[in-house]
Each structure stands twice: as C-alpha cells, then as structure tokens.
Amino acid sequence: MEKTFETSLAELEKIVTRLENGDLPLEESLELFEMGIKLSRECRERLTNAERRIEILTKDVSGEIVAKSFDPDDLRT
C-alpha cells in the first residue's frame, strides 16, 4: 500500500527532529538523512503532480464555463 502525502510528510518531520537533536551515531544520521531525502523527493513529486491536475472552473465573457489551469501566483495577490 502506497503512503499518503501526509504520512510521508509526518515521517519526514520526525526524521528532521531526530537529526536536529544531534545525539545519533554518524551511520544512523546518514541513514536518516538518506531516508529524508527520499521522502522529500516523494512529497515534492506528489505536490507537482497535484498542481498539474488542479483546474479552476471559471466563466468566460459569454457566460460559458471553461477550464483554466491553476496558477499558484493567483493565490498570492
């Protein structure tokens, strides 16, 4: 069963916390770092895929409903 984005993110947060504590042996720190990089890439890929799938329905000037690609910059205004 594939992990959800939220599960992967929670695991990544736990890894970061453990690494920030700094009380791990070097080999364990390296293993956690590698796992963290893998989880980070998985999360980034999921977000990228989700962004590509998002569409906003809007009405054009004639009142027709049209699909418009999602632009995250529109949310920042």
N, C-alpha and C. Protein backbone atom coordinates (compact mmCIF):
# COMPACT_ATOMS: atom_id res chain seq x y z
N MET A 1 0.85 -1.19 0.00
CA MET A 1 0.00 0.00 0.00
C MET A 1 0.88 1.24 0.00
N GLU A 2 0.58 2.16 -0.89
CA GLU A 2 1.37 3.38 -1.03
C GLU A 2 1.04 4.36 0.09
N LYS A 3 2.07 5.04 0.60
CA LYS A 3 1.89 6.03 1.65
C LYS A 3 1.19 7.26 1.10
N THR A 4 0.43 7.90 1.95
CA THR A 4 -0.19 9.16 1.56
C THR A 4 0.85 10.28 1.70
N PHE A 5 0.55 11.41 1.10
CA PHE A 5 1.41 12.58 1.22
C PHE A 5 1.58 12.94 2.69
N GLU A 6 0.47 12.92 3.43
CA GLU A 6 0.50 13.32 4.83
C GLU A 6 1.38 12.37 5.66
N THR A 7 1.31 11.07 5.37
CA THR A 7 2.13 10.10 6.08
C THR A 7 3.60 10.33 5.80
N SER A 8 3.93 10.54 4.53
CA SER A 8 5.32 10.79 4.15
C SER A 8 5.83 12.07 4.80
N LEU A 9 5.02 13.10 4.81
CA LEU A 9 5.42 14.37 5.42
C LEU A 9 5.64 14.22 6.92
N ALA A 10 4.77 13.47 7.59
CA ALA A 10 4.92 13.23 9.03
C ALA A 10 6.22 12.47 9.32
N GLU A 11 6.53 11.48 8.49
CA GLU A 11 7.77 10.74 8.66
C GLU A 11 8.97 11.66 8.46
N LEU A 12 8.89 12.51 7.46
CA LEU A 12 9.97 13.45 7.19
C LEU A 12 10.18 14.39 8.38
N GLU A 13 9.09 14.86 8.96
CA GLU A 13 9.19 15.75 10.13
C GLU A 13 9.84 15.04 11.31
N LYS A 14 9.53 13.77 11.51
CA LYS A 14 10.16 13.00 12.60
C LYS A 14 11.65 12.85 12.37
N ILE A 15 12.03 12.59 11.12
CA ILE A 15 13.45 12.46 10.77
C ILE A 15 14.18 13.76 11.04
N VAL A 16 13.60 14.86 10.62
CA VAL A 16 14.23 16.17 10.83
C VAL A 16 14.42 16.43 12.31
N THR A 17 13.41 16.13 13.11
CA THR A 17 13.51 16.33 14.56
C THR A 17 14.64 15.50 15.15
N ARG A 18 14.71 14.24 14.76
CA ARG A 18 15.78 13.37 15.27
C ARG A 18 17.15 13.87 14.86
N LEU A 19 17.28 14.31 13.62
CA LEU A 19 18.57 14.81 13.15
C LEU A 19 18.94 16.12 13.85
N GLU A 20 17.96 16.95 14.12
CA GLU A 20 18.23 18.23 14.79
C GLU A 20 18.71 18.02 16.22
N ASN A 21 18.28 16.94 16.86
CA ASN A 21 18.72 16.67 18.23
C ASN A 21 20.22 16.39 18.28
N GLY A 22 20.77 15.83 17.20
CA GLY A 22 22.20 15.66 17.08
C GLY A 22 22.84 14.63 17.98
N ASP A 23 22.06 13.75 18.59
CA ASP A 23 22.64 12.77 19.50
C ASP A 23 22.67 11.36 18.91
N LEU A 24 22.75 11.27 17.60
CA LEU A 24 22.76 9.98 16.91
C LEU A 24 24.17 9.65 16.42
N PRO A 25 24.47 8.37 16.33
CA PRO A 25 25.75 7.99 15.71
C PRO A 25 25.76 8.40 14.24
N LEU A 26 26.94 8.57 13.71
CA LEU A 26 27.10 9.05 12.34
C LEU A 26 26.36 8.17 11.34
N GLU A 27 26.51 6.85 11.42
CA GLU A 27 25.87 5.95 10.46
C GLU A 27 24.35 6.08 10.50
N GLU A 28 23.79 6.17 11.69
CA GLU A 28 22.34 6.32 11.81
C GLU A 28 21.89 7.67 11.25
N SER A 29 22.68 8.71 11.50
CA SER A 29 22.36 10.03 10.96
C SER A 29 22.35 10.00 9.44
N LEU A 30 23.34 9.32 8.86
CA LEU A 30 23.41 9.23 7.40
C LEU A 30 22.22 8.46 6.83
N GLU A 31 21.83 7.38 7.50
CA GLU A 31 20.67 6.60 7.05
C GLU A 31 19.40 7.43 7.11
N LEU A 32 19.23 8.16 8.21
CA LEU A 32 18.06 9.01 8.35
C LEU A 32 18.06 10.12 7.30
N PHE A 33 19.23 10.69 7.05
CA PHE A 33 19.35 11.74 6.04
C PHE A 33 18.94 11.21 4.68
N GLU A 34 19.41 10.02 4.32
CA GLU A 34 19.05 9.40 3.04
C GLU A 34 17.55 9.16 2.96
N MET A 35 16.96 8.65 4.05
CA MET A 35 15.51 8.43 4.06
C MET A 35 14.78 9.76 3.92
N GLY A 36 15.29 10.80 4.58
CA GLY A 36 14.67 12.11 4.50
C GLY A 36 14.70 12.69 3.09
N ILE A 37 15.83 12.51 2.41
CA ILE A 37 15.93 12.99 1.02
C ILE A 37 14.92 12.26 0.15
N LYS A 38 14.82 10.95 0.33
CA LYS A 38 13.87 10.15 -0.46
C LYS A 38 12.43 10.62 -0.20
N LEU A 39 12.08 10.81 1.07
CA LEU A 39 10.73 11.27 1.41
C LEU A 39 10.47 12.67 0.86
N SER A 40 11.47 13.54 0.94
CA SER A 40 11.34 14.90 0.42
C SER A 40 11.05 14.88 -1.08
N ARG A 41 11.76 14.04 -1.79
CA ARG A 41 11.54 13.94 -3.24
C ARG A 41 10.16 13.39 -3.55
N GLU A 42 9.72 12.40 -2.78
CA GLU A 42 8.38 11.83 -2.99
C GLU A 42 7.32 12.89 -2.76
N CYS A 43 7.47 13.66 -1.68
CA CYS A 43 6.48 14.71 -1.37
C CYS A 43 6.47 15.77 -2.46
N ARG A 44 7.65 16.19 -2.90
CA ARG A 44 7.73 17.21 -3.95
C ARG A 44 7.07 16.71 -5.24
N GLU A 45 7.31 15.44 -5.57
CA GLU A 45 6.72 14.88 -6.78
C GLU A 45 5.19 14.84 -6.68
N ARG A 46 4.69 14.48 -5.51
CA ARG A 46 3.23 14.44 -5.33
C ARG A 46 2.63 15.83 -5.45
N LEU A 47 3.30 16.82 -4.86
CA LEU A 47 2.79 18.19 -4.96
C LEU A 47 2.80 18.68 -6.40
N THR A 48 3.85 18.37 -7.11
CA THR A 48 3.94 18.76 -8.52
C THR A 48 2.83 18.12 -9.33
N ASN A 49 2.60 16.83 -9.10
CA ASN A 49 1.53 16.13 -9.82
C ASN A 49 0.17 16.69 -9.47
N ALA A 50 -0.04 17.02 -8.20
CA ALA A 50 -1.33 17.59 -7.78
C ALA A 50 -1.54 18.95 -8.42
N GLU A 51 -0.50 19.74 -8.48
CA GLU A 51 -0.61 21.08 -9.09
C GLU A 51 -1.00 20.97 -10.56
N ARG A 52 -0.43 19.98 -11.22
CA ARG A 52 -0.76 19.78 -12.65
C ARG A 52 -2.21 19.39 -12.84
N ARG A 53 -2.79 18.71 -11.88
CA ARG A 53 -4.16 18.22 -12.03
C ARG A 53 -5.22 19.26 -11.65
N ILE A 54 -4.81 20.25 -10.90
CA ILE A 54 -5.78 21.24 -10.41
C ILE A 54 -6.24 22.15 -11.54
N GLU A 55 -7.52 22.25 -11.67
CA GLU A 55 -8.09 23.21 -12.62
C GLU A 55 -9.19 23.97 -11.91
N ILE A 56 -9.32 25.21 -12.30
CA ILE A 56 -10.38 26.04 -11.73
C ILE A 56 -11.42 26.30 -12.82
N LEU A 57 -12.66 26.05 -12.50
CA LEU A 57 -13.72 26.36 -13.46
C LEU A 57 -14.10 27.83 -13.33
N THR A 58 -14.09 28.51 -14.44
CA THR A 58 -14.47 29.92 -14.46
C THR A 58 -15.39 30.17 -15.64
N LYS A 59 -16.09 31.27 -15.60
CA LYS A 59 -16.95 31.65 -16.72
C LYS A 59 -16.22 32.65 -17.58
N ASP A 60 -16.32 32.46 -18.88
CA ASP A 60 -15.72 33.44 -19.78
C ASP A 60 -16.71 34.58 -19.99
N VAL A 61 -16.36 35.52 -20.83
CA VAL A 61 -17.21 36.70 -21.04
C VAL A 61 -18.59 36.36 -21.57
N SER A 62 -18.72 35.24 -22.28
CA SER A 62 -20.03 34.87 -22.82
C SER A 62 -20.85 34.04 -21.82
N GLY A 63 -20.31 33.81 -20.61
CA GLY A 63 -21.03 33.05 -19.61
C GLY A 63 -20.78 31.55 -19.65
N GLU A 64 -19.96 31.12 -20.59
CA GLU A 64 -19.63 29.70 -20.71
C GLU A 64 -18.64 29.30 -19.61
N ILE A 65 -18.83 28.11 -19.08
CA ILE A 65 -17.88 27.60 -18.09
C ILE A 65 -16.70 26.99 -18.85
N VAL A 66 -15.50 27.44 -18.48
CA VAL A 66 -14.29 26.95 -19.12
C VAL A 66 -13.30 26.49 -18.05
N ALA A 67 -12.45 25.55 -18.43
CA ALA A 67 -11.41 25.10 -17.51
C ALA A 67 -10.21 26.00 -17.65
N LYS A 68 -9.66 26.42 -16.53
CA LYS A 68 -8.49 27.28 -16.53
C LYS A 68 -7.41 26.60 -15.71
N SER A 69 -6.21 26.55 -16.23
CA SER A 69 -5.10 25.94 -15.49
C SER A 69 -4.87 26.71 -14.21
N PHE A 70 -4.50 26.00 -13.16
CA PHE A 70 -4.23 26.59 -11.87
C PHE A 70 -2.90 27.31 -11.90
N ASP A 71 -2.90 28.55 -11.42
CA ASP A 71 -1.67 29.32 -11.30
C ASP A 71 -1.51 29.70 -9.83
N PRO A 72 -0.53 29.10 -9.12
CA PRO A 72 -0.40 29.38 -7.68
C PRO A 72 -0.12 30.85 -7.39
N ASP A 73 0.40 31.59 -8.35
CA ASP A 73 0.64 33.02 -8.14
C ASP A 73 -0.65 33.79 -7.98
N ASP A 74 -1.76 33.26 -8.54
CA ASP A 74 -3.06 33.93 -8.39
C ASP A 74 -3.50 33.99 -6.93
N LEU A 75 -3.05 33.03 -6.12
CA LEU A 75 -3.43 33.00 -4.71
C LEU A 75 -2.66 34.01 -3.88
N ARG A 76 -1.56 34.50 -4.38
CA ARG A 76 -0.69 35.41 -3.61
C ARG A 76 -1.10 36.85 -3.73
N THR A 77 -2.09 37.14 -4.57
CA THR A 77 -2.49 38.53 -4.75
C THR A 77 -3.62 38.90 -3.84
